[in-house]
Every structure is written in C-alpha cells, then in structure tokens.
Amino acid sequence: MPVLRTFTGGCHCGQVRFECTTDLSMVTACNCSICTKKGLHFTFVAPTSFQLRAGEDVLREYLFNKRAIRHQLCSECGVDVFARGQKPDGTEVVALNVSCIDGIELSKLTMTPIDGRNR
C-alpha cells in the first residue's frame, strides 16, 4: 500500500518552490505532444495537498489544445512546474511535474502509460 509523503521541489532557477503530500502511486508517461516534447511526468494531487511556497509572481500560464489545463511555468528558467485543471468529474486537481521534486529519481518510479495523443 502506498505511503503518503511530503515532498518539496521547484523550478531550475529556484524562484518557484512548492511542498506537496502524495504517495506517487501514479506517475504519468503520457504520449501527448506537450508531455513528449517536454519530457513531463505528472502526478495528480488535491489542491489542499499542494502549497506554492515561493514564486507566484514569476509564474507564467500556458494553455493549449482544449485550453483546459493551465500549465504554470517559471518565467525566468522556463520550467513547467505544475498545472491546474479538473478531473473528468469536475474535481479540481494539481498536476505536479514529478521531475521538479527535490532529489527524485525517475528511474525508480513506476510510470503509468497515458494515451494523451488520441484523446
């Protein structure tokens, strides 16, 4: 059974910092255009489990395709740190770029394939 842990992380330049609580039981390996080109791997957390600790003033929002997922990028270094959106049932969710977690080793995580290209 996955165990909830609190993680910290941020963008490359360090201006954007966050803290979140998750079990990392589901980390995406999505084949959509943006995830493929940027190498993004997301885990999804409730907004109450995510706290932006620094950098709100340097975030830039990027929308594409259906304009439903609000990607948040550091305007200084360009890293896509997290996104805000809704699950199909309408529940608000934060999609956290797992690569931004401090000390994370992607090779040790189990990835869940997502066919975003054909959605």
N, C-alpha and C. Protein backbone atom coordinates (compact mmCIF):
# COMPACT_ATOMS: atom_id res chain seq x y z
N MET A 1 0.85 -1.19 0.00
CA MET A 1 0.00 0.00 0.00
C MET A 1 0.89 1.25 0.00
N PRO A 2 0.64 2.16 -0.92
CA PRO A 2 1.46 3.38 -0.99
C PRO A 2 1.36 4.21 0.28
N VAL A 3 2.46 4.86 0.59
CA VAL A 3 2.54 5.68 1.80
C VAL A 3 2.64 7.15 1.40
N LEU A 4 1.79 7.98 2.02
CA LEU A 4 1.86 9.42 1.76
C LEU A 4 3.14 9.99 2.33
N ARG A 5 3.79 10.85 1.54
CA ARG A 5 4.99 11.53 1.98
C ARG A 5 4.88 13.00 1.59
N THR A 6 5.58 13.83 2.31
CA THR A 6 5.63 15.25 1.96
C THR A 6 6.93 15.49 1.20
N PHE A 7 6.79 16.12 0.04
CA PHE A 7 7.92 16.42 -0.83
C PHE A 7 8.04 17.93 -1.01
N THR A 8 9.25 18.38 -1.28
CA THR A 8 9.49 19.76 -1.66
C THR A 8 10.11 19.75 -3.05
N GLY A 9 10.06 20.89 -3.70
CA GLY A 9 10.67 20.96 -5.02
C GLY A 9 10.50 22.35 -5.60
N GLY A 10 10.89 22.45 -6.87
CA GLY A 10 10.78 23.73 -7.53
C GLY A 10 11.36 23.70 -8.93
N CYS A 11 11.46 24.89 -9.49
CA CYS A 11 11.98 25.04 -10.84
C CYS A 11 13.51 25.00 -10.84
N HIS A 12 14.11 25.13 -12.00
CA HIS A 12 15.56 25.05 -12.14
C HIS A 12 16.27 26.21 -11.44
N CYS A 13 15.77 27.43 -11.60
CA CYS A 13 16.45 28.59 -11.01
C CYS A 13 16.13 28.78 -9.53
N GLY A 14 15.12 28.09 -9.02
CA GLY A 14 14.79 28.14 -7.59
C GLY A 14 13.82 29.22 -7.19
N GLN A 15 13.35 30.01 -8.14
CA GLN A 15 12.40 31.06 -7.77
C GLN A 15 11.03 30.51 -7.43
N VAL A 16 10.63 29.40 -8.07
CA VAL A 16 9.35 28.75 -7.77
C VAL A 16 9.64 27.57 -6.86
N ARG A 17 8.98 27.54 -5.72
CA ARG A 17 9.16 26.45 -4.76
C ARG A 17 7.79 25.97 -4.30
N PHE A 18 7.67 24.66 -4.03
CA PHE A 18 6.41 24.10 -3.59
C PHE A 18 6.65 23.03 -2.54
N GLU A 19 5.56 22.64 -1.91
CA GLU A 19 5.53 21.49 -0.99
C GLU A 19 4.25 20.74 -1.31
N CYS A 20 4.31 19.42 -1.33
CA CYS A 20 3.10 18.65 -1.59
C CYS A 20 3.16 17.32 -0.84
N THR A 21 1.99 16.78 -0.63
CA THR A 21 1.86 15.48 0.01
C THR A 21 1.19 14.54 -0.97
N THR A 22 1.88 13.44 -1.26
CA THR A 22 1.38 12.47 -2.23
C THR A 22 2.05 11.13 -1.98
N ASP A 23 1.53 10.10 -2.62
CA ASP A 23 2.14 8.77 -2.49
C ASP A 23 2.89 8.36 -3.77
N LEU A 24 2.84 9.19 -4.80
CA LEU A 24 3.49 8.91 -6.08
C LEU A 24 3.12 7.53 -6.63
N SER A 25 1.91 7.08 -6.30
CA SER A 25 1.46 5.77 -6.78
C SER A 25 1.11 5.80 -8.26
N MET A 26 0.81 6.99 -8.79
CA MET A 26 0.51 7.11 -10.21
C MET A 26 1.30 8.29 -10.77
N VAL A 27 2.26 7.95 -11.61
CA VAL A 27 3.08 8.95 -12.30
C VAL A 27 2.91 8.68 -13.79
N THR A 28 2.56 9.70 -14.54
CA THR A 28 2.23 9.51 -15.95
C THR A 28 3.45 9.37 -16.86
N ALA A 29 3.26 8.59 -17.88
CA ALA A 29 4.15 8.52 -19.03
C ALA A 29 3.23 8.76 -20.22
N CYS A 30 2.93 10.03 -20.46
CA CYS A 30 1.94 10.42 -21.46
C CYS A 30 2.60 10.67 -22.81
N ASN A 31 1.89 10.31 -23.86
CA ASN A 31 2.43 10.48 -25.21
C ASN A 31 1.82 11.68 -25.95
N CYS A 32 1.15 12.60 -25.24
CA CYS A 32 0.61 13.78 -25.91
C CYS A 32 1.77 14.67 -26.37
N SER A 33 1.46 15.65 -27.19
CA SER A 33 2.52 16.47 -27.79
C SER A 33 3.34 17.22 -26.75
N ILE A 34 2.71 17.80 -25.74
CA ILE A 34 3.49 18.60 -24.79
C ILE A 34 4.31 17.73 -23.85
N CYS A 35 3.73 16.64 -23.36
CA CYS A 35 4.48 15.75 -22.46
C CYS A 35 5.66 15.10 -23.18
N THR A 36 5.46 14.74 -24.44
CA THR A 36 6.52 14.13 -25.22
C THR A 36 7.65 15.12 -25.46
N LYS A 37 7.32 16.31 -25.91
CA LYS A 37 8.35 17.29 -26.25
C LYS A 37 9.08 17.84 -25.03
N LYS A 38 8.37 17.94 -23.90
CA LYS A 38 9.00 18.49 -22.70
C LYS A 38 9.51 17.42 -21.73
N GLY A 39 9.15 16.17 -21.98
CA GLY A 39 9.56 15.11 -21.06
C GLY A 39 8.87 15.20 -19.71
N LEU A 40 7.60 15.58 -19.73
CA LEU A 40 6.84 15.76 -18.49
C LEU A 40 6.30 14.44 -17.95
N HIS A 41 6.36 14.31 -16.64
CA HIS A 41 5.76 13.18 -15.92
C HIS A 41 5.00 13.79 -14.75
N PHE A 42 3.69 13.60 -14.76
CA PHE A 42 2.85 14.23 -13.73
C PHE A 42 2.31 13.22 -12.73
N THR A 43 2.12 13.70 -11.51
CA THR A 43 1.30 13.03 -10.52
C THR A 43 0.20 14.02 -10.17
N PHE A 44 -0.95 13.53 -9.80
CA PHE A 44 -2.10 14.39 -9.58
C PHE A 44 -2.45 14.42 -8.10
N VAL A 45 -2.56 15.64 -7.56
CA VAL A 45 -2.84 15.82 -6.14
C VAL A 45 -3.99 16.80 -5.95
N ALA A 46 -4.67 16.65 -4.84
CA ALA A 46 -5.73 17.59 -4.49
C ALA A 46 -5.10 18.95 -4.20
N PRO A 47 -5.78 20.04 -4.54
CA PRO A 47 -5.23 21.37 -4.24
C PRO A 47 -4.87 21.56 -2.77
N THR A 48 -5.56 20.89 -1.87
CA THR A 48 -5.25 21.01 -0.45
C THR A 48 -3.95 20.31 -0.07
N SER A 49 -3.44 19.45 -0.97
CA SER A 49 -2.17 18.74 -0.72
C SER A 49 -0.99 19.42 -1.40
N PHE A 50 -1.21 20.58 -1.99
CA PHE A 50 -0.17 21.31 -2.71
C PHE A 50 -0.10 22.74 -2.19
N GLN A 51 1.08 23.18 -1.83
CA GLN A 51 1.27 24.56 -1.39
C GLN A 51 2.41 25.18 -2.19
N LEU A 52 2.11 26.27 -2.85
CA LEU A 52 3.13 27.04 -3.54
C LEU A 52 3.82 27.88 -2.47
N ARG A 53 5.10 27.65 -2.24
CA ARG A 53 5.84 28.32 -1.16
C ARG A 53 6.54 29.59 -1.62
N ALA A 54 6.85 29.68 -2.91
CA ALA A 54 7.52 30.88 -3.44
C ALA A 54 7.33 30.92 -4.95
N GLY A 55 7.34 32.12 -5.48
CA GLY A 55 7.38 32.31 -6.91
C GLY A 55 6.08 32.58 -7.63
N GLU A 56 5.00 32.79 -6.91
CA GLU A 56 3.74 33.05 -7.59
C GLU A 56 3.88 34.23 -8.55
N ASP A 57 4.69 35.20 -8.18
CA ASP A 57 4.86 36.40 -9.01
C ASP A 57 5.67 36.16 -10.28
N VAL A 58 6.37 35.03 -10.40
CA VAL A 58 7.15 34.75 -11.61
C VAL A 58 6.52 33.68 -12.49
N LEU A 59 5.37 33.15 -12.08
CA LEU A 59 4.70 32.12 -12.88
C LEU A 59 4.06 32.72 -14.12
N ARG A 60 4.15 31.98 -15.20
CA ARG A 60 3.50 32.32 -16.45
C ARG A 60 2.61 31.15 -16.81
N GLU A 61 1.43 31.42 -17.32
CA GLU A 61 0.47 30.36 -17.64
C GLU A 61 0.50 30.04 -19.13
N TYR A 62 0.44 28.74 -19.45
CA TYR A 62 0.40 28.30 -20.84
C TYR A 62 -0.81 27.40 -21.04
N LEU A 63 -1.62 27.72 -22.03
CA LEU A 63 -2.80 26.93 -22.39
C LEU A 63 -2.65 26.46 -23.82
N PHE A 64 -3.10 25.26 -24.11
CA PHE A 64 -3.08 24.77 -25.49
C PHE A 64 -4.23 23.80 -25.70
N ASN A 65 -4.42 23.37 -26.93
CA ASN A 65 -5.44 22.40 -27.32
C ASN A 65 -6.81 22.81 -26.79
N LYS A 66 -7.37 22.06 -25.86
CA LYS A 66 -8.71 22.36 -25.34
C LYS A 66 -8.69 23.48 -24.30
N ARG A 67 -7.49 23.95 -23.96
CA ARG A 67 -7.31 25.06 -23.02
C ARG A 67 -7.89 24.75 -21.65
N ALA A 68 -7.86 23.49 -21.27
CA ALA A 68 -8.45 23.05 -20.01
C ALA A 68 -7.41 22.92 -18.89
N ILE A 69 -6.17 22.67 -19.27
CA ILE A 69 -5.10 22.51 -18.28
C ILE A 69 -4.26 23.77 -18.29
N ARG A 70 -4.14 24.39 -17.12
CA ARG A 70 -3.43 25.66 -17.00
C ARG A 70 -2.00 25.39 -16.52
N HIS A 71 -1.08 25.18 -17.46
CA HIS A 71 0.31 24.90 -17.14
C HIS A 71 0.97 26.14 -16.54
N GLN A 72 1.72 25.95 -15.46
CA GLN A 72 2.38 27.04 -14.76
C GLN A 72 3.89 26.89 -14.94
N LEU A 73 4.49 27.86 -15.61
CA LEU A 73 5.91 27.84 -15.92
C LEU A 73 6.62 28.98 -15.22
N CYS A 74 7.85 28.74 -14.82
CA CYS A 74 8.68 29.82 -14.28
C CYS A 74 9.07 30.72 -15.45
N SER A 75 8.81 32.01 -15.33
CA SER A 75 9.13 32.94 -16.41
C SER A 75 10.63 33.20 -16.51
N GLU A 76 11.39 32.83 -15.51
CA GLU A 76 12.84 33.03 -15.54
C GLU A 76 13.55 31.87 -16.23
N CYS A 77 13.31 30.63 -15.77
CA CYS A 77 14.05 29.48 -16.33
C CYS A 77 13.21 28.64 -17.29
N GLY A 78 11.90 28.86 -17.34
CA GLY A 78 11.03 28.18 -18.30
C GLY A 78 10.53 26.81 -17.89
N VAL A 79 10.85 26.35 -16.70
CA VAL A 79 10.43 25.01 -16.27
C VAL A 79 8.93 24.97 -15.99
N ASP A 80 8.29 23.93 -16.50
CA ASP A 80 6.86 23.65 -16.31
C ASP A 80 6.75 22.92 -14.98
N VAL A 81 6.43 23.64 -13.90
CA VAL A 81 6.47 23.09 -12.55
C VAL A 81 5.21 22.32 -12.20
N PHE A 82 4.06 22.88 -12.52
CA PHE A 82 2.78 22.23 -12.21
C PHE A 82 1.71 22.80 -13.12
N ALA A 83 0.54 22.20 -13.06
CA ALA A 83 -0.60 22.68 -13.82
C ALA A 83 -1.84 22.58 -12.94
N ARG A 84 -2.81 23.37 -13.25
CA ARG A 84 -4.10 23.30 -12.56
C ARG A 84 -5.16 22.90 -13.57
N GLY A 85 -6.09 22.08 -13.14
CA GLY A 85 -7.15 21.64 -14.03
C GLY A 85 -8.24 20.93 -13.27
N GLN A 86 -9.04 20.16 -14.00
CA GLN A 86 -10.13 19.40 -13.40
C GLN A 86 -10.10 17.98 -13.92
N LYS A 87 -10.47 17.07 -13.04
CA LYS A 87 -10.66 15.69 -13.45
C LYS A 87 -11.95 15.62 -14.27
N PRO A 88 -12.17 14.51 -14.99
CA PRO A 88 -13.40 14.39 -15.79
C PRO A 88 -14.68 14.62 -14.99
N ASP A 89 -14.65 14.32 -13.68
CA ASP A 89 -15.85 14.52 -12.86
C ASP A 89 -16.00 15.96 -12.35
N GLY A 90 -15.06 16.85 -12.72
CA GLY A 90 -15.13 18.25 -12.32
C GLY A 90 -14.33 18.60 -11.09
N THR A 91 -13.75 17.62 -10.41
CA THR A 91 -12.95 17.86 -9.21
C THR A 91 -11.66 18.59 -9.59
N GLU A 92 -11.35 19.67 -8.86
CA GLU A 92 -10.11 20.41 -9.09
C GLU A 92 -8.91 19.52 -8.76
N VAL A 93 -7.83 19.69 -9.52
CA VAL A 93 -6.64 18.89 -9.32
C VAL A 93 -5.40 19.71 -9.68
N VAL A 94 -4.29 19.39 -9.02
CA VAL A 94 -2.99 19.95 -9.38
C VAL A 94 -2.19 18.82 -10.00
N ALA A 95 -1.68 19.07 -11.19
CA ALA A 95 -0.80 18.11 -11.87
C ALA A 95 0.63 18.57 -11.61
N LEU A 96 1.32 17.84 -10.80
CA LEU A 96 2.68 18.21 -10.39
C LEU A 96 3.70 17.52 -11.29
N ASN A 97 4.61 18.29 -11.86
CA ASN A 97 5.70 17.74 -12.65
C ASN A 97 6.66 17.04 -11.69
N VAL A 98 6.62 15.72 -11.68
CA VAL A 98 7.40 14.92 -10.74
C VAL A 98 8.89 15.20 -10.87
N SER A 99 9.34 15.57 -12.05
CA SER A 99 10.76 15.88 -12.25
C SER A 99 11.22 17.09 -11.44
N CYS A 100 10.28 17.88 -10.94
CA CYS A 100 10.61 19.06 -10.14
C CYS A 100 10.74 18.77 -8.65
N ILE A 101 10.46 17.54 -8.23
CA ILE A 101 10.60 17.17 -6.82
C ILE A 101 12.08 17.06 -6.49
N ASP A 102 12.48 17.66 -5.38
CA ASP A 102 13.87 17.62 -4.94
C ASP A 102 14.34 16.18 -4.78
N GLY A 103 15.47 15.83 -5.38
CA GLY A 103 16.10 14.54 -5.19
C GLY A 103 15.39 13.35 -5.82
N ILE A 104 14.41 13.59 -6.67
CA ILE A 104 13.65 12.48 -7.25
C ILE A 104 14.50 11.71 -8.27
N GLU A 105 14.31 10.42 -8.32
CA GLU A 105 14.97 9.58 -9.32
C GLU A 105 13.87 8.92 -10.14
N LEU A 106 13.63 9.46 -11.32
CA LEU A 106 12.56 8.96 -12.18
C LEU A 106 12.70 7.48 -12.48
N SER A 107 13.91 6.99 -12.59
CA SER A 107 14.14 5.58 -12.94
C SER A 107 13.64 4.64 -11.85
N LYS A 108 13.41 5.15 -10.65
CA LYS A 108 12.93 4.31 -9.56
C LYS A 108 11.41 4.36 -9.39
N LEU A 109 10.74 5.13 -10.25
CA LEU A 109 9.28 5.25 -10.17
C LEU A 109 8.61 4.36 -11.20
N THR A 110 7.45 3.87 -10.85
CA THR A 110 6.63 3.12 -11.81
C THR A 110 5.80 4.13 -12.59
N MET A 111 5.93 4.08 -13.90
CA MET A 111 5.20 5.01 -14.76
C MET A 111 3.92 4.35 -15.28
N THR A 112 2.86 5.14 -15.35
CA THR A 112 1.58 4.68 -15.89
C THR A 112 1.40 5.26 -17.29
N PRO A 113 1.36 4.42 -18.33
CA PRO A 113 1.18 4.93 -19.69
C PRO A 113 -0.19 5.60 -19.85
N ILE A 114 -0.17 6.77 -20.48
CA ILE A 114 -1.39 7.52 -20.78
C ILE A 114 -1.37 7.84 -22.27
N ASP A 115 -2.47 7.54 -22.96
CA ASP A 115 -2.54 7.81 -24.40
C ASP A 115 -3.18 9.17 -24.63
N GLY A 116 -2.46 10.23 -24.27
CA GLY A 116 -2.95 11.59 -24.45
C GLY A 116 -2.99 12.03 -25.89
N ARG A 117 -2.23 11.39 -26.75
CA ARG A 117 -2.19 11.75 -28.17
C ARG A 117 -3.53 11.51 -28.84
N ASN A 118 -4.27 10.50 -28.39
CA ASN A 118 -5.53 10.14 -29.02
C ASN A 118 -6.76 10.52 -28.20
N ARG A 119 -6.64 11.47 -27.33
CA ARG A 119 -7.78 11.92 -26.53
C ARG A 119 -8.44 13.11 -27.15
